[in-house]
Amino acid sequence: MESKRRKIQGVVISDKTPKTIVVELTGYRKHPKYKKRVQFRSKYYAHDENELAHLGDVVTIQESRPISKLKRFVLVSVDKKALEDIKVLEEKEVEEVLHEHEEEAKEAE
């Protein structure tokens, strides 16, 4: 049976506090008077027990009982890891390959 609690997917904008992440939801709404599309942002504080989510990750959070003054959501899943982590891994791999080529060049001499 599907839970009646709200689920939200957003981007982690802060993970500085222990066991807490700040998730930002961005989207567009129509202005009631001017009928123009206006961008909006909402911030949600969520409980991250195992500290799985990091800055830039796309996560799903779910409504829960009040955990603290601001925290009303819990982390359900990390849907997509931040792009920076992937870039760092790629840079490390490139450095390893370059290091191997340098070693081969020294051995050839």
N, C-alpha and C. Protein backbone atom coordinates (compact mmCIF):
# COMPACT_ATOMS: atom_id res chain seq x y z
N MET A 1 0.84 -1.19 0.00
CA MET A 1 0.00 0.00 0.00
C MET A 1 0.88 1.25 0.00
N GLU A 2 0.55 2.17 -0.86
CA GLU A 2 1.31 3.42 -0.99
C GLU A 2 1.06 4.33 0.22
N SER A 3 2.12 4.92 0.72
CA SER A 3 2.03 5.81 1.87
C SER A 3 1.35 7.13 1.47
N LYS A 4 0.62 7.72 2.40
CA LYS A 4 -0.04 9.00 2.13
C LYS A 4 0.91 10.18 2.34
N ARG A 5 2.11 9.89 2.81
CA ARG A 5 3.07 10.94 3.09
C ARG A 5 3.69 11.47 1.80
N ARG A 6 3.93 12.78 1.79
CA ARG A 6 4.48 13.44 0.62
C ARG A 6 5.91 13.00 0.34
N LYS A 7 6.25 12.78 -0.92
CA LYS A 7 7.62 12.49 -1.34
C LYS A 7 8.06 13.61 -2.26
N ILE A 8 9.28 14.09 -2.05
CA ILE A 8 9.82 15.21 -2.82
C ILE A 8 11.20 14.83 -3.34
N GLN A 9 11.47 15.19 -4.59
CA GLN A 9 12.79 14.97 -5.16
C GLN A 9 13.45 16.32 -5.38
N GLY A 10 14.66 16.48 -4.85
CA GLY A 10 15.36 17.75 -4.97
C GLY A 10 16.86 17.58 -4.88
N VAL A 11 17.57 18.70 -4.86
CA VAL A 11 19.03 18.71 -4.84
C VAL A 11 19.53 19.13 -3.47
N VAL A 12 20.54 18.44 -2.96
CA VAL A 12 21.12 18.78 -1.66
C VAL A 12 21.97 20.04 -1.84
N ILE A 13 21.65 21.09 -1.06
CA ILE A 13 22.41 22.33 -1.15
C ILE A 13 23.31 22.52 0.07
N SER A 14 23.13 21.70 1.11
CA SER A 14 24.00 21.78 2.28
C SER A 14 23.98 20.45 3.03
N ASP A 15 25.17 20.03 3.47
CA ASP A 15 25.27 18.83 4.30
C ASP A 15 26.24 19.08 5.45
N LYS A 16 26.33 20.33 5.89
CA LYS A 16 27.31 20.72 6.90
C LYS A 16 26.95 20.26 8.31
N THR A 17 25.67 20.24 8.62
CA THR A 17 25.26 19.84 9.96
C THR A 17 25.18 18.32 10.06
N PRO A 18 25.52 17.76 11.22
CA PRO A 18 25.49 16.30 11.35
C PRO A 18 24.08 15.73 11.24
N LYS A 19 23.95 14.67 10.44
CA LYS A 19 22.69 13.93 10.24
C LYS A 19 21.56 14.79 9.68
N THR A 20 21.90 15.91 9.06
CA THR A 20 20.88 16.78 8.47
C THR A 20 21.35 17.23 7.09
N ILE A 21 20.42 17.22 6.13
CA ILE A 21 20.70 17.77 4.81
C ILE A 21 19.63 18.81 4.49
N VAL A 22 20.01 19.79 3.68
CA VAL A 22 19.06 20.80 3.22
C VAL A 22 18.82 20.52 1.75
N VAL A 23 17.56 20.28 1.40
CA VAL A 23 17.19 19.93 0.03
C VAL A 23 16.42 21.09 -0.57
N GLU A 24 16.83 21.49 -1.78
CA GLU A 24 16.15 22.60 -2.46
C GLU A 24 15.33 22.06 -3.62
N LEU A 25 14.10 22.51 -3.69
CA LEU A 25 13.19 22.15 -4.77
C LEU A 25 12.96 23.41 -5.60
N THR A 26 13.24 23.34 -6.89
CA THR A 26 13.02 24.49 -7.77
C THR A 26 12.01 24.11 -8.84
N GLY A 27 11.26 25.09 -9.26
CA GLY A 27 10.27 24.85 -10.29
C GLY A 27 9.67 26.16 -10.76
N TYR A 28 8.60 26.07 -11.51
CA TYR A 28 7.93 27.25 -12.03
C TYR A 28 6.46 27.23 -11.65
N ARG A 29 5.94 28.41 -11.38
CA ARG A 29 4.51 28.60 -11.12
C ARG A 29 4.03 29.79 -11.94
N LYS A 30 2.75 29.83 -12.19
CA LYS A 30 2.18 30.96 -12.91
C LYS A 30 1.79 32.03 -11.89
N HIS A 31 2.23 33.28 -12.13
CA HIS A 31 1.90 34.38 -11.23
C HIS A 31 0.39 34.62 -11.27
N PRO A 32 -0.26 34.74 -10.09
CA PRO A 32 -1.72 34.84 -10.10
C PRO A 32 -2.28 36.08 -10.82
N LYS A 33 -1.57 37.20 -10.75
CA LYS A 33 -2.08 38.41 -11.37
C LYS A 33 -1.58 38.59 -12.80
N TYR A 34 -0.27 38.42 -12.99
CA TYR A 34 0.33 38.74 -14.27
C TYR A 34 0.39 37.55 -15.23
N LYS A 35 0.04 36.36 -14.75
CA LYS A 35 -0.01 35.15 -15.59
C LYS A 35 1.34 34.83 -16.24
N LYS A 36 2.41 35.33 -15.66
CA LYS A 36 3.74 35.05 -16.18
C LYS A 36 4.36 33.90 -15.40
N ARG A 37 5.18 33.13 -16.06
CA ARG A 37 5.86 32.02 -15.41
C ARG A 37 6.96 32.57 -14.51
N VAL A 38 6.90 32.20 -13.22
CA VAL A 38 7.85 32.71 -12.23
C VAL A 38 8.53 31.52 -11.56
N GLN A 39 9.86 31.61 -11.43
CA GLN A 39 10.59 30.53 -10.78
C GLN A 39 10.43 30.64 -9.26
N PHE A 40 10.31 29.48 -8.59
CA PHE A 40 10.22 29.46 -7.14
C PHE A 40 11.23 28.46 -6.59
N ARG A 41 11.60 28.65 -5.31
CA ARG A 41 12.50 27.75 -4.62
C ARG A 41 11.94 27.45 -3.25
N SER A 42 12.07 26.22 -2.82
CA SER A 42 11.65 25.82 -1.48
C SER A 42 12.78 25.02 -0.85
N LYS A 43 13.05 25.28 0.43
CA LYS A 43 14.08 24.56 1.15
C LYS A 43 13.44 23.64 2.18
N TYR A 44 13.91 22.40 2.22
CA TYR A 44 13.42 21.42 3.17
C TYR A 44 14.60 20.84 3.94
N TYR A 45 14.46 20.75 5.25
CA TYR A 45 15.48 20.12 6.09
C TYR A 45 15.08 18.67 6.29
N ALA A 46 16.01 17.77 6.04
CA ALA A 46 15.71 16.35 6.12
C ALA A 46 16.73 15.63 6.99
N HIS A 47 16.27 14.57 7.65
CA HIS A 47 17.12 13.76 8.51
C HIS A 47 17.83 12.70 7.67
N ASP A 48 19.17 12.67 7.79
CA ASP A 48 20.00 11.72 7.06
C ASP A 48 20.81 10.94 8.09
N GLU A 49 20.23 9.85 8.59
CA GLU A 49 20.81 9.09 9.71
C GLU A 49 22.23 8.61 9.43
N ASN A 50 22.48 8.03 8.25
CA ASN A 50 23.78 7.46 7.93
C ASN A 50 24.69 8.41 7.15
N GLU A 51 24.24 9.63 6.95
CA GLU A 51 24.99 10.66 6.23
C GLU A 51 25.43 10.17 4.84
N LEU A 52 24.46 9.69 4.07
CA LEU A 52 24.71 9.15 2.73
C LEU A 52 24.76 10.25 1.67
N ALA A 53 23.95 11.28 1.83
CA ALA A 53 23.83 12.33 0.81
C ALA A 53 24.88 13.41 1.03
N HIS A 54 25.37 13.94 -0.09
CA HIS A 54 26.36 15.00 -0.05
C HIS A 54 25.94 16.12 -0.98
N LEU A 55 26.67 17.21 -0.93
CA LEU A 55 26.36 18.41 -1.69
C LEU A 55 26.23 18.10 -3.18
N GLY A 56 25.12 18.51 -3.79
CA GLY A 56 24.90 18.32 -5.22
C GLY A 56 24.17 17.06 -5.60
N ASP A 57 23.95 16.15 -4.65
CA ASP A 57 23.24 14.90 -4.96
C ASP A 57 21.75 15.17 -5.17
N VAL A 58 21.14 14.40 -6.05
CA VAL A 58 19.68 14.43 -6.23
C VAL A 58 19.11 13.35 -5.33
N VAL A 59 18.22 13.74 -4.42
CA VAL A 59 17.69 12.82 -3.42
C VAL A 59 16.17 12.84 -3.39
N THR A 60 15.59 11.78 -2.81
CA THR A 60 14.16 11.73 -2.55
C THR A 60 13.98 11.75 -1.04
N ILE A 61 13.11 12.65 -0.56
CA ILE A 61 12.83 12.74 0.86
C ILE A 61 11.33 12.53 1.08
N GLN A 62 10.97 12.08 2.28
CA GLN A 62 9.58 11.78 2.58
C GLN A 62 9.17 12.46 3.88
N GLU A 63 7.95 12.92 3.92
CA GLU A 63 7.39 13.58 5.09
C GLU A 63 7.39 12.62 6.28
N SER A 64 7.65 13.15 7.47
CA SER A 64 7.66 12.30 8.67
C SER A 64 7.19 13.12 9.87
N ARG A 65 7.25 12.48 11.02
CA ARG A 65 6.90 13.21 12.24
C ARG A 65 7.97 14.29 12.47
N PRO A 66 7.68 15.33 13.24
CA PRO A 66 8.69 16.36 13.51
C PRO A 66 9.88 15.76 14.26
N ILE A 67 11.06 15.95 13.70
CA ILE A 67 12.28 15.43 14.31
C ILE A 67 12.97 16.52 15.12
N SER A 68 12.90 17.75 14.64
CA SER A 68 13.43 18.90 15.37
C SER A 68 12.59 20.11 14.97
N LYS A 69 13.07 21.30 15.33
CA LYS A 69 12.31 22.51 15.03
C LYS A 69 12.06 22.67 13.53
N LEU A 70 13.06 22.37 12.70
CA LEU A 70 12.93 22.55 11.25
C LEU A 70 12.77 21.25 10.47
N LYS A 71 13.27 20.14 11.01
CA LYS A 71 13.27 18.87 10.26
C LYS A 71 11.91 18.19 10.33
N ARG A 72 11.31 18.03 9.14
CA ARG A 72 10.01 17.35 9.03
C ARG A 72 10.04 16.27 7.95
N PHE A 73 11.23 15.97 7.43
CA PHE A 73 11.39 14.99 6.37
C PHE A 73 12.53 14.04 6.71
N VAL A 74 12.51 12.85 6.10
CA VAL A 74 13.61 11.89 6.24
C VAL A 74 14.08 11.51 4.84
N LEU A 75 15.36 11.18 4.73
CA LEU A 75 15.93 10.76 3.46
C LEU A 75 15.45 9.36 3.10
N VAL A 76 14.93 9.21 1.87
CA VAL A 76 14.48 7.90 1.40
C VAL A 76 15.57 7.26 0.56
N SER A 77 16.10 8.01 -0.42
CA SER A 77 17.13 7.44 -1.29
C SER A 77 17.96 8.55 -1.94
N VAL A 78 19.18 8.19 -2.32
CA VAL A 78 20.04 9.07 -3.11
C VAL A 78 19.88 8.60 -4.55
N ASP A 79 19.22 9.42 -5.37
CA ASP A 79 18.89 9.02 -6.73
C ASP A 79 20.06 9.19 -7.70
N LYS A 80 20.82 10.29 -7.53
CA LYS A 80 21.91 10.56 -8.45
C LYS A 80 23.03 11.26 -7.69
N LYS A 81 24.24 10.72 -7.81
CA LYS A 81 25.37 11.31 -7.12
C LYS A 81 25.79 12.61 -7.81
N ALA A 82 26.46 13.47 -7.07
CA ALA A 82 26.89 14.76 -7.60
C ALA A 82 27.90 14.58 -8.72
N LEU A 83 27.87 15.46 -9.67
CA LEU A 83 28.76 15.40 -10.82
C LEU A 83 30.21 15.62 -10.42
N GLU A 84 30.45 16.41 -9.37
CA GLU A 84 31.82 16.70 -8.93
C GLU A 84 32.54 15.43 -8.50
N ASP A 85 31.85 14.52 -7.82
CA ASP A 85 32.46 13.27 -7.40
C ASP A 85 32.94 12.48 -8.62
N ILE A 86 32.13 12.47 -9.66
CA ILE A 86 32.48 11.73 -10.88
C ILE A 86 33.70 12.37 -11.53
N LYS A 87 33.75 13.72 -11.58
CA LYS A 87 34.89 14.41 -12.17
C LYS A 87 36.16 14.11 -11.40
N VAL A 88 36.08 14.08 -10.08
CA VAL A 88 37.26 13.79 -9.25
C VAL A 88 37.76 12.38 -9.55
N LEU A 89 36.85 11.41 -9.66
CA LEU A 89 37.25 10.04 -9.98
C LEU A 89 37.91 9.96 -11.36
N GLU A 90 37.35 10.68 -12.34
CA GLU A 90 37.92 10.68 -13.69
C GLU A 90 39.32 11.28 -13.68
N GLU A 91 39.52 12.36 -12.92
CA GLU A 91 40.83 12.99 -12.84
C GLU A 91 41.85 12.03 -12.23
N LYS A 92 41.45 11.28 -11.21
CA LYS A 92 42.36 10.31 -10.58
C LYS A 92 42.76 9.23 -11.58
N GLU A 93 41.78 8.76 -12.37
CA GLU A 93 42.08 7.73 -13.37
C GLU A 93 43.04 8.25 -14.43
N VAL A 94 42.84 9.49 -14.87
CA VAL A 94 43.72 10.09 -15.88
C VAL A 94 45.13 10.23 -15.32
N GLU A 95 45.24 10.66 -14.04
CA GLU A 95 46.55 10.79 -13.42
C GLU A 95 47.26 9.44 -13.33
N GLU A 96 46.52 8.38 -13.02
CA GLU A 96 47.11 7.05 -12.95
C GLU A 96 47.64 6.61 -14.31
N VAL A 97 46.86 6.85 -15.36
CA VAL A 97 47.28 6.47 -16.71
C VAL A 97 48.53 7.25 -17.11
N LEU A 98 48.56 8.56 -16.83
CA LEU A 98 49.72 9.37 -17.16
C LEU A 98 50.95 8.89 -16.39
N HIS A 99 50.75 8.54 -15.13
CA HIS A 99 51.85 8.05 -14.30
C HIS A 99 52.42 6.74 -14.87
N GLU A 100 51.53 5.86 -15.34
CA GLU A 100 51.97 4.61 -15.97
C GLU A 100 52.78 4.88 -17.23
N HIS A 101 52.32 5.85 -18.05
CA HIS A 101 53.04 6.19 -19.28
C HIS A 101 54.42 6.75 -18.97
N GLU A 102 54.52 7.57 -17.92
CA GLU A 102 55.82 8.13 -17.53
C GLU A 102 56.78 7.01 -17.11
N GLU A 103 56.26 6.05 -16.33
CA GLU A 103 57.09 4.93 -15.90
C GLU A 103 57.58 4.10 -17.09
N GLU A 104 56.67 3.88 -18.06
CA GLU A 104 57.05 3.11 -19.26
C GLU A 104 58.12 3.87 -20.06
N ALA A 105 58.00 5.18 -20.12
CA ALA A 105 58.97 5.99 -20.85
C ALA A 105 60.35 5.92 -20.18
N LYS A 106 60.36 5.94 -18.86
CA LYS A 106 61.63 5.85 -18.12
C LYS A 106 62.27 4.49 -18.32
N GLU A 107 61.47 3.43 -18.33
CA GLU A 107 62.00 2.08 -18.53
C GLU A 107 62.55 1.90 -19.93
N ALA A 108 61.93 2.56 -20.91
CA ALA A 108 62.38 2.44 -22.29
C ALA A 108 63.74 3.09 -22.50
N GLU A 109 64.06 4.10 -21.72
CA GLU A 109 65.34 4.82 -21.86
C GLU A 109 66.44 4.02 -21.32
